[in-house]
Amino acid sequence: MQCPNCQHTESRVLESRPAEMGSSVRRRRECLNCQTRFTTYERIELIPITVLKRDGAKEAFSRSKLLHGITRACEKTVLSSETITLLVDDVELNLQQCSGREVSSQEIGELVLERLARLNEVAYVRFASVYRKFEGIRDFTETLAHIQVCEQGSLARSR
């Protein structure tokens, strides 16, 4: 590891600990040449995922784009930013575990909706309205009816 101060390549690790909910390791280091202390992060290198858009275009998967969309859907709800980040982590992990490296935007949207349905109905409807391109009140009422049916089914199973 190269020292940010003197560019010397020899350093010693003073402390290591998990970071970013266990997805990386944070290391405090000290340069053996100038004794400057600095922090490094070690992460697993993820294989890039290509997203197939509805119009046939392809683009690289963007975690920040997904996070932004979900955050917008969750505005003014009880969901914390930590919960939203965990949701994005879960979706991204699910995508990384798929055998193919190309995934459709529809698959990503359905993964998000599946998770939002369990977390918050308002966020679910907001995300669905953009993802499924709602055109009118009928689309909203059909989605709300679907939520009620699913909710009644889960109540019946829990009894």
C-alpha atoms as a PDB file:
ATOM      1  CA  MET A   1       0.000   0.000   0.000  1.00  0.00           C
ATOM      2  CA  GLN A   2       1.438   3.346  -1.007  1.00  0.00           C
ATOM      3  CA  CYS A   3       1.688   6.100   1.632  1.00  0.00           C
ATOM      4  CA  PRO A   4      -0.379   9.164   0.634  1.00  0.00           C
ATOM      5  CA  ASN A   5       2.308  11.422   2.158  1.00  0.00           C
ATOM      6  CA  CYS A   6       5.649  10.085   0.858  1.00  0.00           C
ATOM      7  CA  GLN A   7       4.524   7.349  -1.620  1.00  0.00           C
ATOM      8  CA  HIS A   8       6.613   4.743   0.219  1.00  0.00           C
ATOM      9  CA  THR A   9       5.184   1.268  -0.402  1.00  0.00           C
ATOM     10  CA  GLU A  10       5.898  -0.300   2.985  1.00  0.00           C
ATOM     11  CA  SER A  11       3.410   0.127   5.830  1.00  0.00           C
ATOM     12  CA  ARG A  12       2.183  -1.786   8.825  1.00  0.00           C
ATOM     13  CA  VAL A  13      -1.402  -2.432   9.839  1.00  0.00           C
ATOM     14  CA  LEU A  14      -2.292  -0.935  13.216  1.00  0.00           C
ATOM     15  CA  GLU A  15      -5.940  -1.937  13.338  1.00  0.00           C
ATOM     16  CA  SER A  16      -8.469  -3.817  11.191  1.00  0.00           C
ATOM     17  CA  ARG A  17     -12.218  -3.905  11.554  1.00  0.00           C
ATOM     18  CA  PRO A  18     -15.301  -4.641   9.447  1.00  0.00           C
ATOM     19  CA  ALA A  19     -16.857  -1.632   7.719  1.00  0.00           C
ATOM     20  CA  GLU A  20     -19.932  -0.913   5.597  1.00  0.00           C
ATOM     21  CA  MET A  21     -22.005  -3.612   7.296  1.00  0.00           C
ATOM     22  CA  GLY A  22     -19.337  -6.260   6.784  1.00  0.00           C
ATOM     23  CA  SER A  23     -18.901  -5.719   3.044  1.00  0.00           C
ATOM     24  CA  SER A  24     -15.414  -4.276   3.477  1.00  0.00           C
ATOM     25  CA  VAL A  25     -12.504  -4.132   5.921  1.00  0.00           C
ATOM     26  CA  ARG A  26     -11.220  -0.829   7.265  1.00  0.00           C
ATOM     27  CA  ARG A  27      -7.490  -0.790   8.054  1.00  0.00           C
ATOM     28  CA  ARG A  28      -5.494   1.861   9.901  1.00  0.00           C
ATOM     29  CA  ARG A  29      -1.942   1.833   8.630  1.00  0.00           C
ATOM     30  CA  GLU A  30       1.330   3.525   9.465  1.00  0.00           C
ATOM     31  CA  CYS A  31       4.015   4.258   6.882  1.00  0.00           C
ATOM     32  CA  LEU A  32       7.346   2.651   7.798  1.00  0.00           C
ATOM     33  CA  ASN A  33       9.206   5.534   6.177  1.00  0.00           C
ATOM     34  CA  CYS A  34       7.553   8.750   7.486  1.00  0.00           C
ATOM     35  CA  GLN A  35       5.241   7.335  10.212  1.00  0.00           C
ATOM     36  CA  THR A  36       2.157   8.983   8.654  1.00  0.00           C
ATOM     37  CA  ARG A  37      -1.053   7.194   9.584  1.00  0.00           C
ATOM     38  CA  PHE A  38      -3.746   6.602   6.992  1.00  0.00           C
ATOM     39  CA  THR A  39      -6.866   4.513   6.425  1.00  0.00           C
ATOM     40  CA  THR A  40      -7.518   2.014   3.638  1.00  0.00           C
ATOM     41  CA  TYR A  41     -10.587  -0.026   2.734  1.00  0.00           C
ATOM     42  CA  GLU A  42     -10.501  -3.518   1.303  1.00  0.00           C
ATOM     43  CA  ARG A  43     -13.577  -4.584  -0.699  1.00  0.00           C
ATOM     44  CA  ILE A  44     -14.597  -7.588  -2.749  1.00  0.00           C
ATOM     45  CA  GLU A  45     -14.350  -6.810  -6.432  1.00  0.00           C
ATOM     46  CA  LEU A  46     -17.802  -7.304  -7.881  1.00  0.00           C
ATOM     47  CA  ILE A  47     -18.437  -8.500 -11.415  1.00  0.00           C
ATOM     48  CA  PRO A  48     -20.151  -5.747 -13.422  1.00  0.00           C
ATOM     49  CA  ILE A  49     -23.846  -6.232 -14.148  1.00  0.00           C
ATOM     50  CA  THR A  50     -25.430  -5.032 -17.382  1.00  0.00           C
ATOM     51  CA  VAL A  51     -29.026  -3.796 -17.244  1.00  0.00           C
ATOM     52  CA  LEU A  52     -31.245  -4.418 -20.271  1.00  0.00           C
ATOM     53  CA  LYS A  53     -33.617  -1.461 -20.530  1.00  0.00           C
ATOM     54  CA  ARG A  54     -37.186  -1.629 -21.881  1.00  0.00           C
ATOM     55  CA  ASP A  55     -36.140   0.126 -25.094  1.00  0.00           C
ATOM     56  CA  GLY A  56     -33.447  -2.502 -25.736  1.00  0.00           C
ATOM     57  CA  ALA A  57     -30.543  -0.325 -24.629  1.00  0.00           C
ATOM     58  CA  LYS A  58     -27.903  -1.686 -22.289  1.00  0.00           C
ATOM     59  CA  GLU A  59     -26.209   0.161 -19.440  1.00  0.00           C
ATOM     60  CA  ALA A  60     -24.043  -0.675 -16.452  1.00  0.00           C
ATOM     61  CA  PHE A  61     -25.913  -1.317 -13.207  1.00  0.00           C
ATOM     62  CA  SER A  62     -25.837   1.792 -11.040  1.00  0.00           C
ATOM     63  CA  ARG A  63     -26.272   1.285  -7.327  1.00  0.00           C
ATOM     64  CA  SER A  64     -26.633   5.046  -6.830  1.00  0.00           C
ATOM     65  CA  LYS A  65     -29.427   5.219  -9.423  1.00  0.00           C
ATOM     66  CA  LEU A  66     -31.298   2.409  -7.661  1.00  0.00           C
ATOM     67  CA  LEU A  67     -30.747   4.037  -4.264  1.00  0.00           C
ATOM     68  CA  HIS A  68     -32.018   7.371  -5.592  1.00  0.00           C
ATOM     69  CA  GLY A  69     -35.194   5.812  -7.013  1.00  0.00           C
ATOM     70  CA  ILE A  70     -35.994   3.922  -3.830  1.00  0.00           C
ATOM     71  CA  THR A  71     -35.193   6.946  -1.654  1.00  0.00           C
ATOM     72  CA  ARG A  72     -37.630   9.055  -3.701  1.00  0.00           C
ATOM     73  CA  ALA A  73     -40.354   6.434  -3.233  1.00  0.00           C
ATOM     74  CA  CYS A  74     -39.677   6.341   0.514  1.00  0.00           C
ATOM     75  CA  GLU A  75     -39.757  10.111   1.117  1.00  0.00           C
ATOM     76  CA  LYS A  76     -41.909  11.084   4.103  1.00  0.00           C
ATOM     77  CA  THR A  77     -42.374   7.469   5.203  1.00  0.00           C
ATOM     78  CA  VAL A  78     -41.158   5.822   8.389  1.00  0.00           C
ATOM     79  CA  LEU A  79     -38.384   3.964   6.553  1.00  0.00           C
ATOM     80  CA  SER A  80     -34.940   5.033   7.732  1.00  0.00           C
ATOM     81  CA  SER A  81     -32.019   5.635   5.406  1.00  0.00           C
ATOM     82  CA  GLU A  82     -30.365   2.578   6.971  1.00  0.00           C
ATOM     83  CA  THR A  83     -33.361   0.402   6.039  1.00  0.00           C
ATOM     84  CA  ILE A  84     -33.292   1.772   2.490  1.00  0.00           C
ATOM     85  CA  THR A  85     -29.556   1.067   2.224  1.00  0.00           C
ATOM     86  CA  LEU A  86     -30.120  -2.492   3.462  1.00  0.00           C
ATOM     87  CA  LEU A  87     -32.843  -2.931   0.839  1.00  0.00           C
ATOM     88  CA  VAL A  88     -30.458  -1.763  -1.908  1.00  0.00           C
ATOM     89  CA  ASP A  89     -27.722  -4.052  -0.507  1.00  0.00           C
ATOM     90  CA  ASP A  90     -30.149  -6.981  -0.634  1.00  0.00           C
ATOM     91  CA  VAL A  91     -31.197  -6.274  -4.230  1.00  0.00           C
ATOM     92  CA  GLU A  92     -27.586  -5.807  -5.344  1.00  0.00           C
ATOM     93  CA  LEU A  93     -26.499  -9.032  -3.611  1.00  0.00           C
ATOM     94  CA  ASN A  94     -29.370 -10.869  -5.276  1.00  0.00           C
ATOM     95  CA  LEU A  95     -28.247  -9.536  -8.671  1.00  0.00           C
ATOM     96  CA  GLN A  96     -24.613 -10.513  -8.004  1.00  0.00           C
ATOM     97  CA  GLN A  97     -25.717 -14.075  -7.216  1.00  0.00           C
ATOM     98  CA  CYS A  98     -27.581 -14.480 -10.515  1.00  0.00           C
ATOM     99  CA  SER A  99     -25.853 -16.765 -12.960  1.00  0.00           C
ATOM    100  CA  GLY A 100     -26.080 -14.292 -15.844  1.00  0.00           C
ATOM    101  CA  ARG A 101     -24.392 -10.904 -15.901  1.00  0.00           C
ATOM    102  CA  GLU A 102     -27.267  -9.308 -17.805  1.00  0.00           C
ATOM    103  CA  VAL A 103     -30.492  -8.519 -16.005  1.00  0.00           C
ATOM    104  CA  SER A 104     -33.577  -6.697 -17.235  1.00  0.00           C
ATOM    105  CA  SER A 105     -34.764  -3.486 -15.615  1.00  0.00           C
ATOM    106  CA  GLN A 106     -38.088  -5.297 -15.072  1.00  0.00           C
ATOM    107  CA  GLU A 107     -36.368  -7.949 -12.930  1.00  0.00           C
ATOM    108  CA  ILE A 108     -34.740  -5.243 -10.819  1.00  0.00           C
ATOM    109  CA  GLY A 109     -38.062  -3.417 -10.441  1.00  0.00           C
ATOM    110  CA  GLU A 110     -39.823  -6.595  -9.332  1.00  0.00           C
ATOM    111  CA  LEU A 111     -37.089  -7.349  -6.787  1.00  0.00           C
ATOM    112  CA  VAL A 112     -37.526  -3.856  -5.329  1.00  0.00           C
ATOM    113  CA  LEU A 113     -41.325  -4.103  -5.272  1.00  0.00           C
ATOM    114  CA  GLU A 114     -41.177  -7.497  -3.566  1.00  0.00           C
ATOM    115  CA  ARG A 115     -39.115  -5.989  -0.749  1.00  0.00           C
ATOM    116  CA  LEU A 116     -41.048  -2.707  -0.494  1.00  0.00           C
ATOM    117  CA  ALA A 117     -44.313  -4.628  -0.204  1.00  0.00           C
ATOM    118  CA  ARG A 118     -43.046  -6.082   3.069  1.00  0.00           C
ATOM    119  CA  LEU A 119     -41.738  -2.756   4.369  1.00  0.00           C
ATOM    120  CA  ASN A 120     -44.136   0.055   3.483  1.00  0.00           C
ATOM    121  CA  GLU A 121     -47.317   0.209   1.389  1.00  0.00           C
ATOM    122  CA  VAL A 122     -46.935   3.894   0.490  1.00  0.00           C
ATOM    123  CA  ALA A 123     -43.369   3.412  -0.763  1.00  0.00           C
ATOM    124  CA  TYR A 124     -44.543   0.339  -2.684  1.00  0.00           C
ATOM    125  CA  VAL A 125     -47.294   2.277  -4.497  1.00  0.00           C
ATOM    126  CA  ARG A 126     -44.993   5.226  -5.217  1.00  0.00           C
ATOM    127  CA  PHE A 127     -42.271   3.003  -6.664  1.00  0.00           C
ATOM    128  CA  ALA A 128     -44.820   0.960  -8.639  1.00  0.00           C
ATOM    129  CA  SER A 129     -46.374   4.113 -10.094  1.00  0.00           C
ATOM    130  CA  VAL A 130     -43.062   5.140 -11.663  1.00  0.00           C
ATOM    131  CA  TYR A 131     -41.739   1.662 -12.466  1.00  0.00           C
ATOM    132  CA  ARG A 132     -44.998   0.450 -14.020  1.00  0.00           C
ATOM    133  CA  LYS A 133     -45.742   3.847 -15.623  1.00  0.00           C
ATOM    134  CA  PHE A 134     -49.185   4.403 -14.114  1.00  0.00           C
ATOM    135  CA  GLU A 135     -51.359   6.434 -16.454  1.00  0.00           C
ATOM    136  CA  GLY A 136     -54.389   7.101 -14.297  1.00  0.00           C
ATOM    137  CA  ILE A 137     -56.329   6.470 -11.132  1.00  0.00           C
ATOM    138  CA  ARG A 138     -57.321   2.977 -12.342  1.00  0.00           C
ATOM    139  CA  ASP A 139     -53.678   1.846 -12.140  1.00  0.00           C
ATOM    140  CA  PHE A 140     -53.490   3.081  -8.539  1.00  0.00           C
ATOM    141  CA  THR A 141     -56.749   1.419  -7.496  1.00  0.00           C
ATOM    142  CA  GLU A 142     -55.739  -1.897  -9.083  1.00  0.00           C
ATOM    143  CA  THR A 143     -52.418  -1.810  -7.208  1.00  0.00           C
ATOM    144  CA  LEU A 144     -54.147  -0.938  -3.931  1.00  0.00           C
ATOM    145  CA  ALA A 145     -56.628  -3.787  -4.449  1.00  0.00           C
ATOM    146  CA  HIS A 146     -53.698  -6.156  -5.086  1.00  0.00           C
ATOM    147  CA  ILE A 147     -52.034  -5.006  -1.827  1.00  0.00           C
ATOM    148  CA  GLN A 148     -55.267  -5.629   0.100  1.00  0.00           C
ATOM    149  CA  VAL A 149     -55.634  -9.141  -1.336  1.00  0.00           C
ATOM    150  CA  CYS A 150     -52.007  -9.962  -0.483  1.00  0.00           C
ATOM    151  CA  GLU A 151     -52.427  -8.519   3.011  1.00  0.00           C
ATOM    152  CA  GLN A 152     -55.568 -10.566   3.653  1.00  0.00           C
ATOM    153  CA  GLY A 153     -53.786 -13.702   2.432  1.00  0.00           C
ATOM    154  CA  SER A 154     -50.887 -13.138   4.816  1.00  0.00           C
ATOM    155  CA  LEU A 155     -53.290 -12.516   7.714  1.00  0.00           C
ATOM    156  CA  ALA A 156     -55.111 -15.777   6.984  1.00  0.00           C
ATOM    157  CA  ARG A 157     -51.826 -17.724   6.924  1.00  0.00           C
ATOM    158  CA  SER A 158     -50.704 -16.260  10.254  1.00  0.00           C
ATOM    159  CA  ARG A 159     -53.841 -17.439  12.049  1.00  0.00           C
END
